[in-house]
Amino acid sequence: MGKIKTGKNNSKKDVIARKAAALFIKKGYTSASMRELAEAVGVEAPSLYNHIGSKSEILQTICFKIANEFTSHLDNTENSPVNALAQLETIIRFHIQMMLNNFDEVYVANHEWKHLKEPFLSNFLFQRRGYEKRLVVLLESGIKSDLFKKINPYVAVLTILSALRGLEFWQQHKKNISNQQLEEDMVNHLIKGLIK
């Protein structure tokens, strides 16, 4: 076994997190072992501990990396000078790109978060609920500005987020459609149901 191979923009911890995410999808968080992760990374199990403290720390790293990327993007979008419709489209496109480009880590953050230990579990759920509430406020703003139909904004947010999570199934059964076409079609379907 050798050293952890990193790319130009990746740290060893990033490589471990990506390999762990793929392993967690394949075996489930609880069934995946550190020995299996070491094999996937290409190192001896003891050398993993030079870079990461435990399997639960890896899960925390993955979940909060993804949560922070979504939150940071939402911060930037809310501070942009465009209207609620353009902001919502930007957010939907970001979700799609995250699912297409960081599928393993997004999938783990969506499904394995329940194995986080306290206080990380509560913090993650707080961040997730806060994100959803901010999306509701965005939709309420669009309704008040007469950009969107008068609908229940909470139901609209749940519908949008559920549809975007549906990309998990597309990833597993990729059809003959380009990523660009998929993104355009999803944006069209999700936005057209809201606008007047």
Protein backbone atom coordinates (compact mmCIF):
# COMPACT_ATOMS: atom_id res chain seq x y z
CA MET A 1 0.00 0.00 0.00
CA GLY A 2 1.15 3.52 -0.72
CA LYS A 3 0.40 7.12 -0.03
CA ILE A 4 -2.90 8.92 -0.55
CA LYS A 5 -2.85 10.43 -4.02
CA THR A 6 -4.27 13.93 -4.25
CA GLY A 7 -5.07 16.15 -7.20
CA LYS A 8 -4.22 19.81 -7.65
CA ASN A 9 -7.17 21.12 -5.65
CA ASN A 10 -7.70 18.21 -3.25
CA SER A 11 -6.33 17.55 0.19
CA LYS A 12 -5.81 14.04 1.56
CA LYS A 13 -8.87 14.58 3.72
CA ASP A 14 -10.90 15.42 0.58
CA VAL A 15 -9.77 12.19 -1.08
CA ILE A 16 -10.68 10.18 2.02
CA ALA A 17 -14.12 11.84 2.21
CA ARG A 18 -14.88 11.12 -1.46
CA LYS A 19 -13.80 7.48 -1.18
CA ALA A 20 -15.76 7.16 2.06
CA ALA A 21 -18.90 8.59 0.44
CA ALA A 22 -18.69 5.99 -2.35
CA LEU A 23 -18.16 3.23 0.23
CA PHE A 24 -21.07 4.47 2.39
CA ILE A 25 -23.35 4.36 -0.66
CA LYS A 26 -22.23 0.85 -1.53
CA LYS A 27 -22.31 -0.70 1.97
CA GLY A 28 -24.17 1.79 4.14
CA TYR A 29 -22.49 3.89 6.81
CA THR A 30 -22.92 1.38 9.61
CA SER A 31 -21.61 -1.59 7.58
CA ALA A 32 -18.58 0.16 6.08
CA SER A 33 -15.33 -0.43 7.96
CA MET A 34 -12.21 1.68 8.27
CA ARG A 35 -10.24 -1.25 6.83
CA GLU A 36 -12.40 -1.19 3.70
CA LEU A 37 -11.98 2.55 3.45
CA ALA A 38 -8.20 2.20 3.76
CA GLU A 39 -8.26 -0.32 0.91
CA ALA A 40 -10.35 2.03 -1.23
CA VAL A 41 -7.93 4.89 -0.53
CA GLY A 42 -4.90 2.63 -1.12
CA VAL A 43 -3.24 2.85 2.30
CA GLU A 44 -2.90 0.76 5.44
CA ALA A 45 -5.71 1.25 7.94
CA PRO A 46 -3.48 2.77 10.67
CA SER A 47 -2.23 5.48 8.30
CA LEU A 48 -5.82 6.68 7.76
CA TYR A 49 -5.81 7.84 11.37
CA ASN A 50 -3.01 10.30 10.54
CA HIS A 51 -5.59 12.23 8.51
CA ILE A 52 -8.96 11.47 10.10
CA GLY A 53 -9.95 10.57 13.64
CA SER A 54 -12.82 8.14 13.09
CA LYS A 55 -15.57 6.99 10.76
CA SER A 56 -17.99 9.37 12.49
CA GLU A 57 -15.60 12.26 11.82
CA ILE A 58 -15.63 11.37 8.12
CA LEU A 59 -19.44 11.42 8.12
CA GLN A 60 -19.40 14.83 9.83
CA THR A 61 -16.93 16.10 7.24
CA ILE A 62 -19.12 14.93 4.34
CA CYS A 63 -22.43 16.15 5.77
CA PHE A 64 -21.20 19.59 6.81
CA LYS A 65 -19.17 20.11 3.63
CA ILE A 66 -22.32 19.62 1.57
CA ALA A 67 -24.55 21.60 3.96
CA ASN A 68 -22.06 24.48 3.99
CA GLU A 69 -21.81 24.53 0.19
CA PHE A 70 -25.60 24.79 -0.11
CA THR A 71 -25.80 27.45 2.61
CA SER A 72 -22.95 29.48 1.14
CA HIS A 73 -24.56 29.40 -2.30
CA LEU A 74 -27.88 30.50 -0.81
CA ASP A 75 -26.12 33.38 1.01
CA ASN A 76 -24.59 34.58 -2.27
CA THR A 77 -27.86 34.17 -4.15
CA GLU A 78 -29.90 36.08 -1.57
CA ASN A 79 -27.39 38.93 -1.78
CA SER A 80 -27.58 39.13 -5.56
CA PRO A 81 -29.53 42.03 -7.12
CA VAL A 82 -31.85 39.81 -9.19
CA ASN A 83 -35.51 39.09 -8.43
CA ALA A 84 -36.92 36.05 -6.61
CA LEU A 85 -37.58 34.15 -9.83
CA ALA A 86 -33.97 34.48 -11.02
CA GLN A 87 -32.73 33.59 -7.52
CA LEU A 88 -34.88 30.46 -7.43
CA GLU A 89 -33.62 29.40 -10.85
CA THR A 90 -30.02 29.88 -9.69
CA ILE A 91 -30.70 27.74 -6.61
CA ILE A 92 -32.36 24.97 -8.63
CA ARG A 93 -29.44 24.92 -11.08
CA PHE A 94 -26.98 24.73 -8.18
CA HIS A 95 -28.84 21.75 -6.69
CA ILE A 96 -28.76 19.99 -10.05
CA GLN A 97 -25.05 20.66 -10.52
CA MET A 98 -24.30 19.40 -7.00
CA MET A 99 -26.23 16.19 -7.71
CA LEU A 100 -24.43 15.69 -11.02
CA ASN A 101 -20.90 16.62 -9.90
CA ASN A 102 -20.82 15.60 -6.22
CA PHE A 103 -23.39 12.82 -6.25
CA ASP A 104 -21.79 10.48 -3.68
CA GLU A 105 -21.30 13.17 -1.05
CA VAL A 106 -24.75 14.73 -1.60
CA TYR A 107 -26.35 11.28 -1.40
CA VAL A 108 -24.56 10.53 1.88
CA ALA A 109 -25.56 13.93 3.32
CA ASN A 110 -29.18 13.23 2.29
CA HIS A 111 -29.36 9.69 3.68
CA GLU A 112 -26.68 8.95 6.25
CA TRP A 113 -26.97 12.15 8.33
CA LYS A 114 -29.10 10.23 10.83
CA HIS A 115 -25.91 8.49 12.03
CA LEU A 116 -24.29 11.77 13.11
CA LYS A 117 -23.56 11.95 16.82
CA GLU A 118 -24.64 14.83 19.01
CA PRO A 119 -24.13 17.76 18.95
CA PHE A 120 -23.46 17.33 15.20
CA LEU A 121 -26.84 15.76 14.50
CA SER A 122 -28.75 18.69 16.02
CA ASN A 123 -26.48 21.21 14.29
CA PHE A 124 -26.97 19.54 10.91
CA LEU A 125 -30.75 19.41 11.30
CA PHE A 126 -30.82 23.04 12.42
CA GLN A 127 -28.84 24.06 9.34
CA ARG A 128 -31.06 21.97 7.06
CA ARG A 129 -34.30 23.39 8.50
CA GLY A 130 -32.89 26.90 8.28
CA TYR A 131 -32.12 26.37 4.60
CA GLU A 132 -35.68 25.21 3.91
CA LYS A 133 -37.12 28.20 5.83
CA ARG A 134 -35.01 30.60 3.79
CA LEU A 135 -36.32 29.03 0.58
CA VAL A 136 -39.87 29.50 1.87
CA VAL A 137 -39.11 33.19 2.51
CA LEU A 138 -37.76 33.46 -1.04
CA LEU A 139 -40.97 32.00 -2.46
CA GLU A 140 -43.08 34.27 -0.24
CA SER A 141 -41.14 37.22 -1.63
CA GLY A 142 -41.84 36.05 -5.18
CA ILE A 143 -45.55 35.69 -4.40
CA LYS A 144 -45.71 39.19 -2.89
CA SER A 145 -43.88 40.58 -5.93
CA ASP A 146 -46.49 38.91 -8.14
CA LEU A 147 -43.82 36.76 -9.82
CA PHE A 148 -45.29 33.48 -8.58
CA LYS A 149 -48.81 32.13 -8.30
CA LYS A 150 -50.51 32.39 -4.93
CA ILE A 151 -49.55 28.96 -3.66
CA ASN A 152 -48.43 27.59 -0.34
CA PRO A 153 -44.69 28.38 -0.36
CA TYR A 154 -43.83 25.55 2.04
CA VAL A 155 -45.50 22.97 -0.22
CA ALA A 156 -43.69 24.48 -3.23
CA VAL A 157 -40.31 24.21 -1.47
CA LEU A 158 -40.96 20.60 -0.48
CA THR A 159 -42.00 19.79 -4.04
CA ILE A 160 -38.90 21.42 -5.55
CA LEU A 161 -36.50 19.77 -3.09
CA SER A 162 -38.18 16.37 -3.56
CA ALA A 163 -37.94 16.68 -7.34
CA LEU A 164 -34.27 17.59 -7.09
CA ARG A 165 -33.58 14.63 -4.83
CA GLY A 166 -35.24 12.52 -7.50
CA LEU A 167 -32.02 12.95 -9.46
CA GLU A 168 -30.69 10.14 -7.26
CA PHE A 169 -32.78 7.74 -9.33
CA TRP A 170 -31.60 9.30 -12.57
CA GLN A 171 -27.98 8.84 -11.47
CA GLN A 172 -28.63 5.15 -10.81
CA HIS A 173 -30.40 4.56 -14.14
CA LYS A 174 -28.81 7.11 -16.44
CA LYS A 175 -30.86 7.53 -19.55
CA ASN A 176 -29.67 8.81 -22.90
CA ILE A 177 -29.82 12.51 -21.96
CA SER A 178 -27.01 14.99 -21.48
CA ASN A 179 -26.44 16.75 -18.16
CA GLN A 180 -27.19 20.07 -19.86
CA GLN A 181 -30.52 18.84 -21.26
CA LEU A 182 -31.44 17.35 -17.90
CA GLU A 183 -30.74 20.66 -16.15
CA GLU A 184 -32.72 22.72 -18.68
CA ASP A 185 -35.70 20.35 -18.57
CA MET A 186 -35.79 20.27 -14.77
CA VAL A 187 -35.53 24.06 -14.47
CA ASN A 188 -38.34 24.49 -17.00
CA HIS A 189 -40.64 22.02 -15.26
CA LEU A 190 -40.02 23.33 -11.75
CA ILE A 191 -40.20 27.04 -12.58
CA LYS A 192 -43.17 26.90 -14.96
CA GLY A 193 -45.37 25.45 -12.23
CA LEU A 194 -44.76 28.57 -10.13
CA ILE A 195 -44.85 31.52 -12.49
CA LYS A 196 -48.00 33.36 -13.45
